Amino acid sequence: MLFDKKSWKDICQGFMVRDCTIGFADGRIGLMLVEMSDERDAGWRTRFVSVRMDAPVSERFFVLETSDLSFASLASAWAPSQEEFLVVDLARQVWAYKPKTYRDFEEAIAFDGRG
């Protein structure tokens, strides 16, 4: 069982899975959820969910939410000491989550559009 009824309601109700990835350690998976809404004026809420499958349901989930991401993608980094989840969108915004280390927005990816 991935979710119980309470965690499903608290985390996923009203959202759809936009992307997912197999995690880097501890039986983790990553989910990127996007709000199911016809209202586009304020943008859609986006949630990144880290799921630690070997933890009890009450301790299994970590959630970050924003309404600022545009068509984001989710990936896992696996290199030694770089084990983390990354979310990057079309505007070059980056979320990073590395358990017990950091979990927030990073600086946007620099881009020189010339050429």
PDB file of N, CA and C in Angstrom:
ATOM      1  N   MET A   1       0.841  -1.175   0.000  1.00  0.00           N
ATOM      2  CA  MET A   1       0.000   0.000   0.000  1.00  0.00           C
ATOM      3  C   MET A   1       0.891   1.244   0.000  1.00  0.00           C
ATOM      4  N   LEU A   2       0.696   2.104  -0.970  1.00  0.00           N
ATOM      5  CA  LEU A   2       1.454   3.346  -1.056  1.00  0.00           C
ATOM      6  C   LEU A   2       0.829   4.423  -0.160  1.00  0.00           C
ATOM      7  N   PHE A   3      -0.475   4.649  -0.306  1.00  0.00           N
ATOM      8  CA  PHE A   3      -1.206   5.651   0.467  1.00  0.00           C
ATOM      9  C   PHE A   3      -2.293   4.978   1.286  1.00  0.00           C
ATOM     10  N   ASP A   4      -2.560   5.502   2.471  1.00  0.00           N
ATOM     11  CA  ASP A   4      -3.791   5.155   3.155  1.00  0.00           C
ATOM     12  C   ASP A   4      -4.811   6.238   2.800  1.00  0.00           C
ATOM     13  N   LYS A   5      -6.048   6.109   3.254  1.00  0.00           N
ATOM     14  CA  LYS A   5      -7.089   7.072   2.866  1.00  0.00           C
ATOM     15  C   LYS A   5      -6.748   8.492   3.295  1.00  0.00           C
ATOM     16  N   LYS A   6      -6.223   8.659   4.501  1.00  0.00           N
ATOM     17  CA  LYS A   6      -5.906   9.990   5.006  1.00  0.00           C
ATOM     18  C   LYS A   6      -4.784  10.629   4.194  1.00  0.00           C
ATOM     19  N   SER A   7      -3.692   9.902   3.952  1.00  0.00           N
ATOM     20  CA  SER A   7      -2.584  10.495   3.202  1.00  0.00           C
ATOM     21  C   SER A   7      -2.994  10.787   1.756  1.00  0.00           C
ATOM     22  N   TRP A   8      -3.824   9.931   1.155  1.00  0.00           N
ATOM     23  CA  TRP A   8      -4.324  10.212  -0.193  1.00  0.00           C
ATOM     24  C   TRP A   8      -5.109  11.516  -0.208  1.00  0.00           C
ATOM     25  N   LYS A   9      -6.017  11.681   0.761  1.00  0.00           N
ATOM     26  CA  LYS A   9      -6.826  12.893   0.820  1.00  0.00           C
ATOM     27  C   LYS A   9      -5.954  14.125   1.044  1.00  0.00           C
ATOM     28  N   ASP A  10      -4.996  14.035   1.974  1.00  0.00           N
ATOM     29  CA  ASP A  10      -4.153  15.177   2.318  1.00  0.00           C
ATOM     30  C   ASP A  10      -3.182  15.564   1.203  1.00  0.00           C
ATOM     31  N   ILE A  11      -2.670  14.591   0.460  1.00  0.00           N
ATOM     32  CA  ILE A  11      -1.603  14.850  -0.503  1.00  0.00           C
ATOM     33  C   ILE A  11      -2.094  14.873  -1.954  1.00  0.00           C
ATOM     34  N   CYS A  12      -2.949  13.943  -2.334  1.00  0.00           N
ATOM     35  CA  CYS A  12      -3.249  13.721  -3.756  1.00  0.00           C
ATOM     36  C   CYS A  12      -4.633  14.160  -4.222  1.00  0.00           C
ATOM     37  N   GLN A  13      -5.574  14.297  -3.310  1.00  0.00           N
ATOM     38  CA  GLN A  13      -6.931  14.619  -3.749  1.00  0.00           C
ATOM     39  C   GLN A  13      -6.942  15.956  -4.489  1.00  0.00           C
ATOM     40  N   GLY A  14      -7.510  15.965  -5.688  1.00  0.00           N
ATOM     41  CA  GLY A  14      -7.570  17.159  -6.521  1.00  0.00           C
ATOM     42  C   GLY A  14      -6.354  17.359  -7.408  1.00  0.00           C
ATOM     43  N   PHE A  15      -5.435  16.392  -7.409  1.00  0.00           N
ATOM     44  CA  PHE A  15      -4.212  16.469  -8.197  1.00  0.00           C
ATOM     45  C   PHE A  15      -4.107  15.254  -9.103  1.00  0.00           C
ATOM     46  N   MET A  16      -3.319  15.381 -10.163  1.00  0.00           N
ATOM     47  CA  MET A  16      -3.018  14.240 -11.025  1.00  0.00           C
ATOM     48  C   MET A  16      -1.501  14.086 -11.097  1.00  0.00           C
ATOM     49  N   VAL A  17      -1.046  12.878 -11.364  1.00  0.00           N
ATOM     50  CA  VAL A  17       0.377  12.622 -11.489  1.00  0.00           C
ATOM     51  C   VAL A  17       0.845  13.121 -12.848  1.00  0.00           C
ATOM     52  N   ARG A  18       1.804  14.023 -12.840  1.00  0.00           N
ATOM     53  CA  ARG A  18       2.369  14.587 -14.074  1.00  0.00           C
ATOM     54  C   ARG A  18       3.671  13.886 -14.454  1.00  0.00           C
ATOM     55  N   ASP A  19       4.434  13.449 -13.413  1.00  0.00           N
ATOM     56  CA  ASP A  19       5.707  12.794 -13.658  1.00  0.00           C
ATOM     57  C   ASP A  19       6.063  11.961 -12.432  1.00  0.00           C
ATOM     58  N   CYS A  20       6.935  10.991 -12.625  1.00  0.00           N
ATOM     59  CA  CYS A  20       7.393  10.167 -11.501  1.00  0.00           C
ATOM     60  C   CYS A  20       8.785   9.648 -11.806  1.00  0.00           C
ATOM     61  N   THR A  21       9.482   9.219 -10.764  1.00  0.00           N
ATOM     62  CA  THR A  21      10.813   8.651 -10.932  1.00  0.00           C
ATOM     63  C   THR A  21      11.084   7.678  -9.800  1.00  0.00           C
ATOM     64  N   ILE A  22      11.915   6.701 -10.091  1.00  0.00           N
ATOM     65  CA  ILE A  22      12.377   5.789  -9.055  1.00  0.00           C
ATOM     66  C   ILE A  22      13.429   6.532  -8.259  1.00  0.00           C
ATOM     67  N   GLY A  23      13.374   6.400  -6.953  1.00  0.00           N
ATOM     68  CA  GLY A  23      14.273   7.151  -6.086  1.00  0.00           C
ATOM     69  C   GLY A  23      15.678   6.620  -6.040  1.00  0.00           C
ATOM     70  N   PHE A  24      16.460   7.274  -5.258  1.00  0.00           N
ATOM     71  CA  PHE A  24      17.892   7.055  -5.203  1.00  0.00           C
ATOM     72  C   PHE A  24      18.319   6.142  -4.070  1.00  0.00           C
ATOM     73  N   ALA A  25      17.528   6.026  -3.017  1.00  0.00           N
ATOM     74  CA  ALA A  25      17.908   5.213  -1.861  1.00  0.00           C
ATOM     75  C   ALA A  25      16.683   5.007  -0.971  1.00  0.00           C
ATOM     76  N   ASP A  26      16.811   4.133   0.000  1.00  0.00           N
ATOM     77  CA  ASP A  26      15.767   3.922   1.013  1.00  0.00           C
ATOM     78  C   ASP A  26      14.410   3.558   0.421  1.00  0.00           C
ATOM     79  N   GLY A  27      14.370   2.886  -0.715  1.00  0.00           N
ATOM     80  CA  GLY A  27      13.096   2.529  -1.321  1.00  0.00           C
ATOM     81  C   GLY A  27      12.252   3.743  -1.670  1.00  0.00           C
ATOM     82  N   ARG A  28      12.873   4.808  -2.137  1.00  0.00           N
ATOM     83  CA  ARG A  28      12.152   6.056  -2.441  1.00  0.00           C
ATOM     84  C   ARG A  28      11.626   6.085  -3.873  1.00  0.00           C
ATOM     85  N   ILE A  29      10.506   6.768  -4.012  1.00  0.00           N
ATOM     86  CA  ILE A  29      10.016   7.152  -5.332  1.00  0.00           C
ATOM     87  C   ILE A  29       9.656   8.635  -5.256  1.00  0.00           C
ATOM     88  N   GLY A  30       9.655   9.290  -6.389  1.00  0.00           N
ATOM     89  CA  GLY A  30       9.282  10.698  -6.454  1.00  0.00           C
ATOM     90  C   GLY A  30       8.083  10.861  -7.351  1.00  0.00           C
ATOM     91  N   LEU A  31       7.161  11.710  -6.941  1.00  0.00           N
ATOM     92  CA  LEU A  31       5.968  12.017  -7.720  1.00  0.00           C
ATOM     93  C   LEU A  31       5.883  13.522  -7.903  1.00  0.00           C
ATOM     94  N   MET A  32       5.480  13.953  -9.087  1.00  0.00           N
ATOM     95  CA  MET A  32       5.160  15.351  -9.309  1.00  0.00           C
ATOM     96  C   MET A  32       3.682  15.415  -9.645  1.00  0.00           C
ATOM     97  N   LEU A  33       2.936  16.111  -8.825  1.00  0.00           N
ATOM     98  CA  LEU A  33       1.493  16.210  -8.968  1.00  0.00           C
ATOM     99  C   LEU A  33       1.119  17.610  -9.425  1.00  0.00           C
ATOM    100  N   VAL A  34       0.123  17.712 -10.294  1.00  0.00           N
ATOM    101  CA  VAL A  34      -0.376  18.995 -10.769  1.00  0.00           C
ATOM    102  C   VAL A  34      -1.863  19.061 -10.456  1.00  0.00           C
ATOM    103  N   GLU A  35      -2.286  20.211  -9.968  1.00  0.00           N
ATOM    104  CA  GLU A  35      -3.673  20.426  -9.589  1.00  0.00           C
ATOM    105  C   GLU A  35      -4.596  20.224 -10.789  1.00  0.00           C
ATOM    106  N   MET A  36      -5.690  19.521 -10.576  1.00  0.00           N
ATOM    107  CA  MET A  36      -6.717  19.365 -11.604  1.00  0.00           C
ATOM    108  C   MET A  36      -7.690  20.528 -11.459  1.00  0.00           C
ATOM    109  N   SER A  37      -7.566  21.505 -12.337  1.00  0.00           N
ATOM    110  CA  SER A  37      -8.396  22.694 -12.241  1.00  0.00           C
ATOM    111  C   SER A  37      -8.548  23.313 -13.616  1.00  0.00           C
ATOM    112  N   ASP A  38      -9.710  23.895 -13.854  1.00  0.00           N
ATOM    113  CA  ASP A  38      -9.933  24.622 -15.097  1.00  0.00           C
ATOM    114  C   ASP A  38      -9.535  26.089 -14.954  1.00  0.00           C
ATOM    115  N   GLU A  39      -9.274  26.539 -13.737  1.00  0.00           N
ATOM    116  CA  GLU A  39      -8.863  27.918 -13.474  1.00  0.00           C
ATOM    117  C   GLU A  39      -7.388  28.072 -13.789  1.00  0.00           C
ATOM    118  N   ARG A  40      -7.057  28.848 -14.809  1.00  0.00           N
ATOM    119  CA  ARG A  40      -5.664  28.995 -15.215  1.00  0.00           C
ATOM    120  C   ARG A  40      -5.092  30.358 -14.854  1.00  0.00           C
ATOM    121  N   ASP A  41      -5.918  31.292 -14.420  1.00  0.00           N
ATOM    122  CA  ASP A  41      -5.450  32.649 -14.149  1.00  0.00           C
ATOM    123  C   ASP A  41      -4.360  32.688 -13.083  1.00  0.00           C
ATOM    124  N   ALA A  42      -4.519  31.920 -12.028  1.00  0.00           N
ATOM    125  CA  ALA A  42      -3.556  31.949 -10.924  1.00  0.00           C
ATOM    126  C   ALA A  42      -2.474  30.886 -11.090  1.00  0.00           C
ATOM    127  N   GLY A  43      -2.520  30.107 -12.148  1.00  0.00           N
ATOM    128  CA  GLY A  43      -1.560  29.008 -12.320  1.00  0.00           C
ATOM    129  C   GLY A  43      -2.010  27.785 -11.544  1.00  0.00           C
ATOM    130  N   TRP A  44      -1.488  26.666 -11.940  1.00  0.00           N
ATOM    131  CA  TRP A  44      -1.831  25.425 -11.260  1.00  0.00           C
ATOM    132  C   TRP A  44      -0.864  25.170 -10.123  1.00  0.00           C
ATOM    133  N   ARG A  45      -1.398  24.691  -9.029  1.00  0.00           N
ATOM    134  CA  ARG A  45      -0.522  24.280  -7.927  1.00  0.00           C
ATOM    135  C   ARG A  45       0.212  23.014  -8.351  1.00  0.00           C
ATOM    136  N   THR A  46       1.486  22.940  -8.028  1.00  0.00           N
ATOM    137  CA  THR A  46       2.319  21.792  -8.331  1.00  0.00           C
ATOM    138  C   THR A  46       2.908  21.275  -7.029  1.00  0.00           C
ATOM    139  N   ARG A  47       2.879  19.967  -6.841  1.00  0.00           N
ATOM    140  CA  ARG A  47       3.448  19.350  -5.646  1.00  0.00           C
ATOM    141  C   ARG A  47       4.504  18.345  -6.032  1.00  0.00           C
ATOM    142  N   PHE A  48       5.630  18.408  -5.337  1.00  0.00           N
ATOM    143  CA  PHE A  48       6.628  17.359  -5.405  1.00  0.00           C
ATOM    144  C   PHE A  48       6.446  16.518  -4.154  1.00  0.00           C
ATOM    145  N   VAL A  49       6.367  15.200  -4.334  1.00  0.00           N
ATOM    146  CA  VAL A  49       6.173  14.289  -3.212  1.00  0.00           C
ATOM    147  C   VAL A  49       7.281  13.246  -3.230  1.00  0.00           C
ATOM    148  N   SER A  50       8.033  13.186  -2.139  1.00  0.00           N
ATOM    149  CA  SER A  50       9.015  12.124  -1.952  1.00  0.00           C
ATOM    150  C   SER A  50       8.356  11.061  -1.087  1.00  0.00           C
ATOM    151  N   VAL A  51       8.388   9.822  -1.568  1.00  0.00           N
ATOM    152  CA  VAL A  51       7.747   8.708  -0.869  1.00  0.00           C
ATOM    153  C   VAL A  51       8.830   7.720  -0.450  1.00  0.00           C
ATOM    154  N   ARG A  52       8.951   7.499   0.834  1.00  0.00           N
ATOM    155  CA  ARG A  52       9.915   6.530   1.354  1.00  0.00           C
ATOM    156  C   ARG A  52       9.159   5.253   1.702  1.00  0.00           C
ATOM    157  N   MET A  53       9.208   4.300   0.790  1.00  0.00           N
ATOM    158  CA  MET A  53       8.367   3.108   0.877  1.00  0.00           C
ATOM    159  C   MET A  53       8.635   2.256   2.114  1.00  0.00           C
ATOM    160  N   ASP A  54       9.849   2.269   2.648  1.00  0.00           N
ATOM    161  CA  ASP A  54      10.140   1.424   3.796  1.00  0.00           C
ATOM    162  C   ASP A  54       9.787   2.081   5.134  1.00  0.00           C
ATOM    163  N   ALA A  55       9.203   3.272   5.107  1.00  0.00           N
ATOM    164  CA  ALA A  55       8.802   3.970   6.331  1.00  0.00           C
ATOM    165  C   ALA A  55       7.318   3.728   6.612  1.00  0.00           C
ATOM    166  N   PRO A  56       6.902   3.844   7.869  1.00  0.00           N
ATOM    167  CA  PRO A  56       5.474   3.751   8.173  1.00  0.00           C
ATOM    168  C   PRO A  56       4.711   4.873   7.456  1.00  0.00           C
ATOM    169  N   VAL A  57       3.448   4.663   7.169  1.00  0.00           N
ATOM    170  CA  VAL A  57       2.657   5.643   6.409  1.00  0.00           C
ATOM    171  C   VAL A  57       2.717   7.021   7.058  1.00  0.00           C
ATOM    172  N   SER A  58       2.718   7.102   8.364  1.00  0.00           N
ATOM    173  CA  SER A  58       2.733   8.392   9.058  1.00  0.00           C
ATOM    174  C   SER A  58       4.037   9.167   8.842  1.00  0.00           C
ATOM    175  N   GLU A  59       5.106   8.489   8.415  1.00  0.00           N
ATOM    176  CA  GLU A  59       6.414   9.129   8.209  1.00  0.00           C
ATOM    177  C   GLU A  59       6.909   8.987   6.773  1.00  0.00           C
ATOM    178  N   ARG A  60       6.080   8.541   5.883  1.00  0.00           N
ATOM    179  CA  ARG A  60       6.482   8.146   4.533  1.00  0.00           C
ATOM    180  C   ARG A  60       6.652   9.301   3.554  1.00  0.00           C
ATOM    181  N   PHE A  61       5.955  10.433   3.761  1.00  0.00           N
ATOM    182  CA  PHE A  61       5.849  11.456   2.721  1.00  0.00           C
ATOM    183  C   PHE A  61       6.540  12.761   3.094  1.00  0.00           C
ATOM    184  N   PHE A  62       7.174  13.369   2.107  1.00  0.00           N
ATOM    185  CA  PHE A  62       7.649  14.747   2.200  1.00  0.00           C
ATOM    186  C   PHE A  62       7.055  15.478   1.006  1.00  0.00           C
ATOM    187  N   VAL A  63       6.476  16.661   1.240  1.00  0.00           N
ATOM    188  CA  VAL A  63       5.763  17.387   0.188  1.00  0.00           C
ATOM    189  C   VAL A  63       6.251  18.834   0.114  1.00  0.00           C
ATOM    190  N   LEU A  64       6.552  19.298  -1.094  1.00  0.00           N
ATOM    191  CA  LEU A  64       6.802  20.705  -1.393  1.00  0.00           C
ATOM    192  C   LEU A  64       5.722  21.155  -2.370  1.00  0.00           C
ATOM    193  N   GLU A  65       5.250  22.379  -2.232  1.00  0.00           N
ATOM    194  CA  GLU A  65       4.205  22.871  -3.138  1.00  0.00           C
ATOM    195  C   GLU A  65       4.512  24.289  -3.590  1.00  0.00           C
ATOM    196  N   THR A  66       4.143  24.580  -4.840  1.00  0.00           N
ATOM    197  CA  THR A  66       4.256  25.923  -5.402  1.00  0.00           C
ATOM    198  C   THR A  66       3.202  26.086  -6.490  1.00  0.00           C
ATOM    199  N   SER A  67       2.995  27.308  -6.926  1.00  0.00           N
ATOM    200  CA  SER A  67       2.124  27.540  -8.084  1.00  0.00           C
ATOM    201  C   SER A  67       2.917  28.174  -9.210  1.00  0.00           C
ATOM    202  N   ASP A  68       4.228  28.197  -9.068  1.00  0.00           N
ATOM    203  CA  ASP A  68       5.071  28.919 -10.010  1.00  0.00           C
ATOM    204  C   ASP A  68       5.725  28.071 -11.098  1.00  0.00           C
ATOM    205  N   LEU A  69       5.608  26.763 -11.067  1.00  0.00           N
ATOM    206  CA  LEU A  69       6.302  25.927 -12.044  1.00  0.00           C
ATOM    207  C   LEU A  69       5.481  25.793 -13.326  1.00  0.00           C
ATOM    208  N   SER A  70       6.165  25.814 -14.457  1.00  0.00           N
ATOM    209  CA  SER A  70       5.519  25.689 -15.759  1.00  0.00           C
ATOM    210  C   SER A  70       6.040  24.450 -16.472  1.00  0.00           C
ATOM    211  N   PHE A  71       5.191  23.468 -16.681  1.00  0.00           N
ATOM    212  CA  PHE A  71       5.541  22.256 -17.416  1.00  0.00           C
ATOM    213  C   PHE A  71       6.860  21.655 -16.903  1.00  0.00           C
ATOM    214  N   ALA A  72       6.865  21.313 -15.646  1.00  0.00           N
ATOM    215  CA  ALA A  72       8.075  20.808 -14.995  1.00  0.00           C
ATOM    216  C   ALA A  72       8.259  19.317 -15.245  1.00  0.00           C
ATOM    217  N   SER A  73       9.499  18.860 -15.055  1.00  0.00           N
ATOM    218  CA  SER A  73       9.858  17.447 -15.130  1.00  0.00           C
ATOM    219  C   SER A  73      10.610  17.071 -13.862  1.00  0.00           C
ATOM    220  N   LEU A  74      10.529  15.799 -13.512  1.00  0.00           N
ATOM    221  CA  LEU A  74      11.128  15.275 -12.285  1.00  0.00           C
ATOM    222  C   LEU A  74      12.189  14.240 -12.646  1.00  0.00           C
ATOM    223  N   ALA A  75      13.306  14.242 -11.928  1.00  0.00           N
ATOM    224  CA  ALA A  75      14.374  13.268 -12.152  1.00  0.00           C
ATOM    225  C   ALA A  75      15.047  12.928 -10.832  1.00  0.00           C
ATOM    226  N   SER A  76      15.774  11.817 -10.836  1.00  0.00           N
ATOM    227  CA  SER A  76      16.582  11.413  -9.686  1.00  0.00           C
ATOM    228  C   SER A  76      18.045  11.526 -10.045  1.00  0.00           C
ATOM    229  N   ALA A  77      18.842  12.025  -9.113  1.00  0.00           N
ATOM    230  CA  ALA A  77      20.299  12.023  -9.260  1.00  0.00           C
ATOM    231  C   ALA A  77      20.831  10.864  -8.439  1.00  0.00           C
ATOM    232  N   TRP A  78      21.756  10.106  -9.003  1.00  0.00           N
ATOM    233  CA  TRP A  78      22.223   8.882  -8.358  1.00  0.00           C
ATOM    234  C   TRP A  78      23.704   8.886  -8.026  1.00  0.00           C
ATOM    235  N   ALA A  79      24.481   9.808  -8.553  1.00  0.00           N
ATOM    236  CA  ALA A  79      25.933   9.775  -8.343  1.00  0.00           C
ATOM    237  C   ALA A  79      26.252   9.762  -6.846  1.00  0.00           C
ATOM    238  N   PRO A  80      27.330   9.133  -6.452  1.00  0.00           N
ATOM    239  CA  PRO A  80      27.681   9.102  -5.026  1.00  0.00           C
ATOM    240  C   PRO A  80      27.689  10.506  -4.430  1.00  0.00           C
ATOM    241  N   SER A  81      27.074  10.624  -3.284  1.00  0.00           N
ATOM    242  CA  SER A  81      26.919  11.869  -2.516  1.00  0.00           C
ATOM    243  C   SER A  81      26.072  12.911  -3.243  1.00  0.00           C
ATOM    244  N   GLN A  82      25.448  12.578  -4.345  1.00  0.00           N
ATOM    245  CA  GLN A  82      24.548  13.493  -5.058  1.00  0.00           C
ATOM    246  C   GLN A  82      23.131  12.926  -5.117  1.00  0.00           C
ATOM    247  N   GLU A  83      22.790  12.069  -4.195  1.00  0.00           N
ATOM    248  CA  GLU A  83      21.492  11.395  -4.216  1.00  0.00           C
ATOM    249  C   GLU A  83      20.394  12.380  -3.848  1.00  0.00           C
ATOM    250  N   GLU A  84      19.578  12.742  -4.841  1.00  0.00           N
ATOM    251  CA  GLU A  84      18.523  13.719  -4.606  1.00  0.00           C
ATOM    252  C   GLU A  84      17.484  13.646  -5.719  1.00  0.00           C
ATOM    253  N   PHE A  85      16.357  14.299  -5.482  1.00  0.00           N
ATOM    254  CA  PHE A  85      15.344  14.499  -6.507  1.00  0.00           C
ATOM    255  C   PHE A  85      15.487  15.926  -7.025  1.00  0.00           C
ATOM    256  N   LEU A  86      15.257  16.106  -8.325  1.00  0.00           N
ATOM    257  CA  LEU A  86      15.295  17.424  -8.950  1.00  0.00           C
ATOM    258  C   LEU A  86      14.032  17.630  -9.772  1.00  0.00           C
ATOM    259  N   VAL A  87      13.479  18.823  -9.684  1.00  0.00           N
ATOM    260  CA  VAL A  87      12.353  19.228 -10.520  1.00  0.00           C
ATOM    261  C   VAL A  87      12.807  20.481 -11.262  1.00  0.00           C
ATOM    262  N   VAL A  88      12.663  20.480 -12.598  1.00  0.00           N
ATOM    263  CA  VAL A  88      13.063  21.619 -13.416  1.00  0.00           C
ATOM    264  C   VAL A  88      11.923  21.937 -14.373  1.00  0.00           C
ATOM    265  N   ASP A  89      11.643  23.240 -14.545  1.00  0.00           N
ATOM    266  CA  ASP A  89      10.559  23.614 -15.454  1.00  0.00           C
ATOM    267  C   ASP A  89      11.089  24.383 -16.658  1.00  0.00           C
ATOM    268  N   LEU A  90      10.183  24.767 -17.556  1.00  0.00           N
ATOM    269  CA  LEU A  90      10.571  25.459 -18.791  1.00  0.00           C
ATOM    270  C   LEU A  90      11.193  26.824 -18.548  1.00  0.00           C
ATOM    271  N   ALA A  91      10.885  27.437 -17.405  1.00  0.00           N
ATOM    272  CA  ALA A  91      11.466  28.736 -17.081  1.00  0.00           C
ATOM    273  C   ALA A  91      12.810  28.588 -16.367  1.00  0.00           C
ATOM    274  N   ARG A  92      13.356  27.353 -16.317  1.00  0.00           N
ATOM    275  CA  ARG A  92      14.652  27.024 -15.730  1.00  0.00           C
ATOM    276  C   ARG A  92      14.654  27.121 -14.216  1.00  0.00           C
ATOM    277  N   GLN A  93      13.472  27.074 -13.596  1.00  0.00           N
ATOM    278  CA  GLN A  93      13.393  27.025 -12.138  1.00  0.00           C
ATOM    279  C   GLN A  93      13.731  25.613 -11.673  1.00  0.00           C
ATOM    280  N   VAL A  94      14.359  25.498 -10.512  1.00  0.00           N
ATOM    281  CA  VAL A  94      14.821  24.207 -10.016  1.00  0.00           C
ATOM    282  C   VAL A  94      14.410  24.028  -8.558  1.00  0.00           C
ATOM    283  N   TRP A  95      13.815  22.880  -8.276  1.00  0.00           N
ATOM    284  CA  TRP A  95      13.593  22.423  -6.909  1.00  0.00           C
ATOM    285  C   TRP A  95      14.588  21.314  -6.672  1.00  0.00           C
ATOM    286  N   ALA A  96      15.156  21.240  -5.501  1.00  0.00           N
ATOM    287  CA  ALA A  96      16.026  20.125  -5.145  1.00  0.00           C
ATOM    288  C   ALA A  96      15.602  19.602  -3.779  1.00  0.00           C
ATOM    289  N   TYR A  97      15.644  18.285  -3.633  1.00  0.00           N
ATOM    290  CA  TYR A  97      15.328  17.664  -2.353  1.00  0.00           C
ATOM    291  C   TYR A  97      16.329  16.562  -2.068  1.00  0.00           C
ATOM    292  N   LYS A  98      17.104  16.759  -1.032  1.00  0.00           N
ATOM    293  CA  LYS A  98      18.059  15.769  -0.549  1.00  0.00           C
ATOM    294  C   LYS A  98      17.763  15.604   0.933  1.00  0.00           C
ATOM    295  N   PRO A  99      17.242  14.436   1.336  1.00  0.00           N
ATOM    296  CA  PRO A  99      16.813  14.259   2.717  1.00  0.00           C
ATOM    297  C   PRO A  99      17.876  14.674   3.733  1.00  0.00           C
ATOM    298  N   LYS A 100      17.406  15.375   4.752  1.00  0.00           N
ATOM    299  CA  LYS A 100      18.233  15.822   5.887  1.00  0.00           C
ATOM    300  C   LYS A 100      19.321  16.814   5.488  1.00  0.00           C
ATOM    301  N   THR A 101      19.328  17.283   4.229  1.00  0.00           N
ATOM    302  CA  THR A 101      20.352  18.216   3.773  1.00  0.00           C
ATOM    303  C   THR A 101      19.734  19.522   3.285  1.00  0.00           C
ATOM    304  N   TYR A 102      18.871  19.458   2.238  1.00  0.00           N
ATOM    305  CA  TYR A 102      18.183  20.640   1.747  1.00  0.00           C
ATOM    306  C   TYR A 102      16.918  20.232   1.025  1.00  0.00           C
ATOM    307  N   ARG A 103      16.005  21.193   0.912  1.00  0.00           N
ATOM    308  CA  ARG A 103      14.705  20.931   0.303  1.00  0.00           C
ATOM    309  C   ARG A 103      14.015  22.247  -0.038  1.00  0.00           C
ATOM    310  N   ASP A 104      14.375  22.814  -1.153  1.00  0.00           N
ATOM    311  CA  ASP A 104      13.791  24.095  -1.507  1.00  0.00           C
ATOM    312  C   ASP A 104      14.161  24.450  -2.941  1.00  0.00           C
ATOM    313  N   PHE A 105      13.771  25.657  -3.353  1.00  0.00           N
ATOM    314  CA  PHE A 105      14.154  26.149  -4.661  1.00  0.00           C
ATOM    315  C   PHE A 105      15.640  26.448  -4.687  1.00  0.00           C
ATOM    316  N   GLU A 106      16.262  26.151  -5.818  1.00  0.00           N
ATOM    317  CA  GLU A 106      17.654  26.500  -6.071  1.00  0.00           C
ATOM    318  C   GLU A 106      17.644  27.733  -6.978  1.00  0.00           C
ATOM    319  N   GLU A 107      18.813  28.258  -7.285  1.00  0.00           N
ATOM    320  CA  GLU A 107      18.884  29.347  -8.255  1.00  0.00           C
ATOM    321  C   GLU A 107      18.435  28.817  -9.612  1.00  0.00           C
ATOM    322  N   ALA A 108      17.755  29.661 -10.371  1.00  0.00           N
ATOM    323  CA  ALA A 108      17.326  29.272 -11.708  1.00  0.00           C
ATOM    324  C   ALA A 108      18.563  28.980 -12.565  1.00  0.00           C
ATOM    325  N   ILE A 109      18.411  28.085 -13.526  1.00  0.00           N
ATOM    326  CA  ILE A 109      19.507  27.744 -14.432  1.00  0.00           C
ATOM    327  C   ILE A 109      19.805  28.950 -15.310  1.00  0.00           C
ATOM    328  N   ALA A 110      21.045  29.377 -15.323  1.00  0.00           N
ATOM    329  CA  ALA A 110      21.436  30.521 -16.145  1.00  0.00           C
ATOM    330  C   ALA A 110      21.339  30.157 -17.616  1.00  0.00           C
ATOM    331  N   PHE A 111      20.955  31.127 -18.437  1.00  0.00           N
ATOM    332  CA  PHE A 111      20.822  30.847 -19.872  1.00  0.00           C
ATOM    333  C   PHE A 111      21.080  32.123 -20.645  1.00  0.00           C
ATOM    334  N   ASP A 112      22.021  32.070 -21.540  1.00  0.00           N
ATOM    335  CA  ASP A 112      22.288  33.175 -22.440  1.00  0.00           C
ATOM    336  C   ASP A 112      21.640  32.802 -23.768  1.00  0.00           C
ATOM    337  N   GLY A 113      20.557  33.475 -24.131  1.00  0.00           N
ATOM    338  CA  GLY A 113      19.774  33.120 -25.299  1.00  0.00           C
ATOM    339  C   GLY A 113      20.403  33.442 -26.635  1.00  0.00           C
ATOM    340  N   ARG A 114      21.541  34.094 -26.619  1.00  0.00           N
ATOM    341  CA  ARG A 114      22.193  34.421 -27.910  1.00  0.00           C
ATOM    342  C   ARG A 114      22.790  33.165 -28.517  1.00  0.00           C
ATOM    343  N   GLY A 115      22.424  32.868 -29.758  1.00  0.00           N
ATOM    344  CA  GLY A 115      23.018  31.749 -30.475  1.00  0.00           C
ATOM    345  C   GLY A 115      22.514  30.444 -29.998  1.00  0.00           C
TER     346      GLY A 115
END
